[in-house]
Amino acid sequence: MDQDDLYQLTMTTFNRAMDGDIDGSANALMEIGQTGDTANVYGACCAFAEIAKAALRKLYGGRAPDVGRGDMWALQQLQPGPGDPAEAFAMRFIVAYANDDRPQAMALFQTTVKAGPDAHVSSVSQLLATAVSLSRTALAQGDGR
């Protein structure tokens, strides 16, 4: 899969999820996984995490950690539910990505791949859902809701 196709499918996946088109989003995400490779899926995950990072920066405003100054995002700021590995992955991946810790993000991603197809799909889907949720919350905050 070339970068243009990956970009288009990743944005289609996210935009359809934002619009509430779960089937359309799932189909676009499935196409990334079926026509691409794990590097393409990782690229989509990084894009979702980048969107989540932007949403977090908007939500936290001036209180957001400045990674350039050595500040770090912490998991206390994003609390996964008890016993949900996919949710824990999504939160940890977003935190690692937001902290510019690409080796940790990659290690987390590889763990989902090694866990098997069901766990991997569930984890990537939860990452997308978390990015969408954070984005909706940030947009609602901007609208004064």
C-alpha atoms as a PDB file:
ATOM      1  CA  MET A   1       0.000   0.000   0.000  1.00  0.00           C
ATOM      2  CA  ASP A   2       1.477   3.374  -0.918  1.00  0.00           C
ATOM      3  CA  GLN A   3       1.464   6.352   1.438  1.00  0.00           C
ATOM      4  CA  ASP A   4      -1.344   8.156  -0.418  1.00  0.00           C
ATOM      5  CA  ASP A   5      -3.637   5.132  -0.124  1.00  0.00           C
ATOM      6  CA  LEU A   6      -2.741   4.712   3.539  1.00  0.00           C
ATOM      7  CA  TYR A   7      -3.417   8.384   4.224  1.00  0.00           C
ATOM      8  CA  GLN A   8      -6.775   8.280   2.431  1.00  0.00           C
ATOM      9  CA  LEU A   9      -7.908   5.122   4.196  1.00  0.00           C
ATOM     10  CA  THR A  10      -6.714   6.334   7.601  1.00  0.00           C
ATOM     11  CA  MET A  11      -8.571   9.630   7.253  1.00  0.00           C
ATOM     12  CA  THR A  12     -11.654   7.851   5.902  1.00  0.00           C
ATOM     13  CA  THR A  13     -11.544   5.523   8.905  1.00  0.00           C
ATOM     14  CA  PHE A  14     -11.318   8.424  11.347  1.00  0.00           C
ATOM     15  CA  ASN A  15     -13.813  10.715   9.600  1.00  0.00           C
ATOM     16  CA  ARG A  16     -16.444   8.008   9.271  1.00  0.00           C
ATOM     17  CA  ALA A  17     -16.025   7.156  12.946  1.00  0.00           C
ATOM     18  CA  MET A  18     -16.422  10.844  13.837  1.00  0.00           C
ATOM     19  CA  ASP A  19     -19.603  10.916  11.744  1.00  0.00           C
ATOM     20  CA  GLY A  20     -20.948   7.854  13.550  1.00  0.00           C
ATOM     21  CA  ASP A  21     -20.636   5.616  10.478  1.00  0.00           C
ATOM     22  CA  ILE A  22     -19.263   2.643  12.391  1.00  0.00           C
ATOM     23  CA  ASP A  23     -19.636   0.188   9.503  1.00  0.00           C
ATOM     24  CA  GLY A  24     -17.912   2.538   7.047  1.00  0.00           C
ATOM     25  CA  SER A  25     -15.131   3.197   9.528  1.00  0.00           C
ATOM     26  CA  ALA A  26     -14.681  -0.509  10.258  1.00  0.00           C
ATOM     27  CA  ASN A  27     -14.577  -1.308   6.548  1.00  0.00           C
ATOM     28  CA  ALA A  28     -11.899   1.323   5.892  1.00  0.00           C
ATOM     29  CA  LEU A  29      -9.846   0.110   8.861  1.00  0.00           C
ATOM     30  CA  MET A  30     -10.255  -3.487   7.697  1.00  0.00           C
ATOM     31  CA  GLU A  31      -9.013  -2.481   4.246  1.00  0.00           C
ATOM     32  CA  ILE A  32      -5.844  -1.056   5.797  1.00  0.00           C
ATOM     33  CA  GLY A  33      -5.240  -4.359   7.558  1.00  0.00           C
ATOM     34  CA  GLN A  34      -6.086  -6.543   4.586  1.00  0.00           C
ATOM     35  CA  THR A  35      -4.367  -4.665   1.763  1.00  0.00           C
ATOM     36  CA  GLY A  36      -1.487  -3.296   3.795  1.00  0.00           C
ATOM     37  CA  ASP A  37       0.934  -4.793   6.247  1.00  0.00           C
ATOM     38  CA  THR A  38       1.616  -4.314   9.945  1.00  0.00           C
ATOM     39  CA  ALA A  39       3.677  -1.205   9.151  1.00  0.00           C
ATOM     40  CA  ASN A  40       0.609   0.330   7.511  1.00  0.00           C
ATOM     41  CA  VAL A  41      -1.550  -0.504  10.515  1.00  0.00           C
ATOM     42  CA  TYR A  42       1.110   0.987  12.795  1.00  0.00           C
ATOM     43  CA  GLY A  43       1.078   4.124  10.638  1.00  0.00           C
ATOM     44  CA  ALA A  44      -2.690   4.388  11.030  1.00  0.00           C
ATOM     45  CA  CYS A  45      -2.308   3.931  14.799  1.00  0.00           C
ATOM     46  CA  CYS A  46       0.240   6.757  14.890  1.00  0.00           C
ATOM     47  CA  ALA A  47      -2.178   8.974  12.965  1.00  0.00           C
ATOM     48  CA  PHE A  48      -4.975   8.195  15.442  1.00  0.00           C
ATOM     49  CA  ALA A  49      -2.591   8.914  18.323  1.00  0.00           C
ATOM     50  CA  GLU A  50      -1.540  12.209  16.713  1.00  0.00           C
ATOM     51  CA  ILE A  51      -5.193  13.225  16.526  1.00  0.00           C
ATOM     52  CA  ALA A  52      -5.699  12.180  20.157  1.00  0.00           C
ATOM     53  CA  LYS A  53      -2.601  14.161  21.163  1.00  0.00           C
ATOM     54  CA  ALA A  54      -3.992  17.287  19.479  1.00  0.00           C
ATOM     55  CA  ALA A  55      -7.316  16.773  21.258  1.00  0.00           C
ATOM     56  CA  LEU A  56      -5.566  16.387  24.614  1.00  0.00           C
ATOM     57  CA  ARG A  57      -3.535  19.550  24.035  1.00  0.00           C
ATOM     58  CA  LYS A  58      -6.776  21.413  23.299  1.00  0.00           C
ATOM     59  CA  LEU A  59      -8.525  19.951  26.336  1.00  0.00           C
ATOM     60  CA  TYR A  60      -5.674  20.725  28.725  1.00  0.00           C
ATOM     61  CA  GLY A  61      -4.716  24.047  27.158  1.00  0.00           C
ATOM     62  CA  GLY A  62      -1.941  25.770  29.083  1.00  0.00           C
ATOM     63  CA  ARG A  63      -1.872  22.930  31.612  1.00  0.00           C
ATOM     64  CA  ALA A  64      -0.817  20.402  28.961  1.00  0.00           C
ATOM     65  CA  PRO A  65       2.628  18.896  29.479  1.00  0.00           C
ATOM     66  CA  ASP A  66       5.328  20.381  27.280  1.00  0.00           C
ATOM     67  CA  VAL A  67       7.369  17.394  26.172  1.00  0.00           C
ATOM     68  CA  GLY A  68       9.994  19.739  24.720  1.00  0.00           C
ATOM     69  CA  ARG A  69      10.661  21.048  28.248  1.00  0.00           C
ATOM     70  CA  GLY A  70      10.825  17.550  29.681  1.00  0.00           C
ATOM     71  CA  ASP A  71       7.221  17.396  30.884  1.00  0.00           C
ATOM     72  CA  MET A  72       5.428  14.094  30.389  1.00  0.00           C
ATOM     73  CA  TRP A  73       1.863  12.946  29.946  1.00  0.00           C
ATOM     74  CA  ALA A  74       0.964  10.381  32.591  1.00  0.00           C
ATOM     75  CA  LEU A  75      -1.590   7.617  32.669  1.00  0.00           C
ATOM     76  CA  GLN A  76      -3.393   9.228  35.596  1.00  0.00           C
ATOM     77  CA  GLN A  77      -4.588  11.783  33.072  1.00  0.00           C
ATOM     78  CA  LEU A  78      -6.073   8.967  30.952  1.00  0.00           C
ATOM     79  CA  GLN A  79      -7.388   6.149  33.086  1.00  0.00           C
ATOM     80  CA  PRO A  80      -8.157   2.815  31.365  1.00  0.00           C
ATOM     81  CA  GLY A  81     -10.995   0.684  32.675  1.00  0.00           C
ATOM     82  CA  PRO A  82     -10.118  -2.253  34.893  1.00  0.00           C
ATOM     83  CA  GLY A  83      -9.362  -5.467  33.066  1.00  0.00           C
ATOM     84  CA  ASP A  84      -9.780  -4.158  29.520  1.00  0.00           C
ATOM     85  CA  PRO A  85      -6.541  -4.880  27.633  1.00  0.00           C
ATOM     86  CA  ALA A  86      -7.667  -3.071  24.470  1.00  0.00           C
ATOM     87  CA  GLU A  87      -8.520   0.063  26.410  1.00  0.00           C
ATOM     88  CA  ALA A  88      -5.271  -0.157  28.357  1.00  0.00           C
ATOM     89  CA  PHE A  89      -3.369  -0.469  25.063  1.00  0.00           C
ATOM     90  CA  ALA A  90      -5.154   2.562  23.588  1.00  0.00           C
ATOM     91  CA  MET A  91      -4.415   4.754  26.585  1.00  0.00           C
ATOM     92  CA  ARG A  92      -0.815   3.611  26.901  1.00  0.00           C
ATOM     93  CA  PHE A  93      -0.182   4.009  23.177  1.00  0.00           C
ATOM     94  CA  ILE A  94      -1.592   7.550  23.197  1.00  0.00           C
ATOM     95  CA  VAL A  95       0.490   8.470  26.244  1.00  0.00           C
ATOM     96  CA  ALA A  96       3.674   7.005  24.727  1.00  0.00           C
ATOM     97  CA  TYR A  97       3.012   8.762  21.430  1.00  0.00           C
ATOM     98  CA  ALA A  98       2.155  12.074  23.126  1.00  0.00           C
ATOM     99  CA  ASN A  99       5.428  11.819  25.052  1.00  0.00           C
ATOM    100  CA  ASP A 100       7.322  11.296  21.769  1.00  0.00           C
ATOM    101  CA  ASP A 101       8.349   7.850  23.008  1.00  0.00           C
ATOM    102  CA  ARG A 102       8.190   6.062  19.653  1.00  0.00           C
ATOM    103  CA  PRO A 103      10.100   2.969  20.879  1.00  0.00           C
ATOM    104  CA  GLN A 104       7.486   2.450  23.618  1.00  0.00           C
ATOM    105  CA  ALA A 105       4.631   3.027  21.160  1.00  0.00           C
ATOM    106  CA  MET A 106       6.150   0.474  18.795  1.00  0.00           C
ATOM    107  CA  ALA A 107       6.645  -2.037  21.630  1.00  0.00           C
ATOM    108  CA  LEU A 108       3.018  -1.648  22.686  1.00  0.00           C
ATOM    109  CA  PHE A 109       1.866  -2.131  19.102  1.00  0.00           C
ATOM    110  CA  GLN A 110       4.040  -5.222  18.644  1.00  0.00           C
ATOM    111  CA  THR A 111       2.551  -6.680  21.815  1.00  0.00           C
ATOM    112  CA  THR A 112      -0.917  -6.496  20.263  1.00  0.00           C
ATOM    113  CA  VAL A 113       0.348  -8.188  17.087  1.00  0.00           C
ATOM    114  CA  LYS A 114       1.877 -11.024  19.139  1.00  0.00           C
ATOM    115  CA  ALA A 115      -1.348 -11.377  21.147  1.00  0.00           C
ATOM    116  CA  GLY A 116      -3.152 -12.627  18.045  1.00  0.00           C
ATOM    117  CA  PRO A 117      -5.573 -11.267  15.466  1.00  0.00           C
ATOM    118  CA  ASP A 118      -8.567 -10.786  17.775  1.00  0.00           C
ATOM    119  CA  ALA A 119      -6.587  -8.884  20.413  1.00  0.00           C
ATOM    120  CA  HIS A 120      -4.815  -6.854  17.728  1.00  0.00           C
ATOM    121  CA  VAL A 121      -8.030  -5.831  15.960  1.00  0.00           C
ATOM    122  CA  SER A 122      -9.688  -5.036  19.277  1.00  0.00           C
ATOM    123  CA  SER A 123      -6.736  -2.908  20.394  1.00  0.00           C
ATOM    124  CA  VAL A 124      -6.463  -0.936  17.156  1.00  0.00           C
ATOM    125  CA  SER A 125     -10.235  -0.415  17.101  1.00  0.00           C
ATOM    126  CA  GLN A 126     -10.147   0.845  20.694  1.00  0.00           C
ATOM    127  CA  LEU A 127      -7.335   3.241  19.816  1.00  0.00           C
ATOM    128  CA  LEU A 128      -9.506   4.661  17.052  1.00  0.00           C
ATOM    129  CA  ALA A 129     -12.517   4.884  19.382  1.00  0.00           C
ATOM    130  CA  THR A 130     -10.461   6.668  22.041  1.00  0.00           C
ATOM    131  CA  ALA A 131      -9.105   9.176  19.511  1.00  0.00           C
ATOM    132  CA  VAL A 132     -12.657   9.828  18.304  1.00  0.00           C
ATOM    133  CA  SER A 133     -13.947  10.257  21.857  1.00  0.00           C
ATOM    134  CA  LEU A 134     -11.162  12.675  22.791  1.00  0.00           C
ATOM    135  CA  SER A 135     -11.708  14.611  19.559  1.00  0.00           C
ATOM    136  CA  ARG A 136     -15.447  14.893  20.142  1.00  0.00           C
ATOM    137  CA  THR A 137     -14.837  16.095  23.694  1.00  0.00           C
ATOM    138  CA  ALA A 138     -12.302  18.680  22.499  1.00  0.00           C
ATOM    139  CA  LEU A 139     -14.628  19.899  19.760  1.00  0.00           C
ATOM    140  CA  ALA A 140     -17.539  20.145  22.205  1.00  0.00           C
ATOM    141  CA  GLN A 141     -15.344  22.140  24.600  1.00  0.00           C
ATOM    142  CA  GLY A 142     -14.498  24.521  21.762  1.00  0.00           C
ATOM    143  CA  ASP A 143     -18.206  24.973  21.038  1.00  0.00           C
ATOM    144  CA  GLY A 144     -18.819  25.938  24.665  1.00  0.00           C
ATOM    145  CA  ARG A 145     -20.987  22.861  25.301  1.00  0.00           C
END
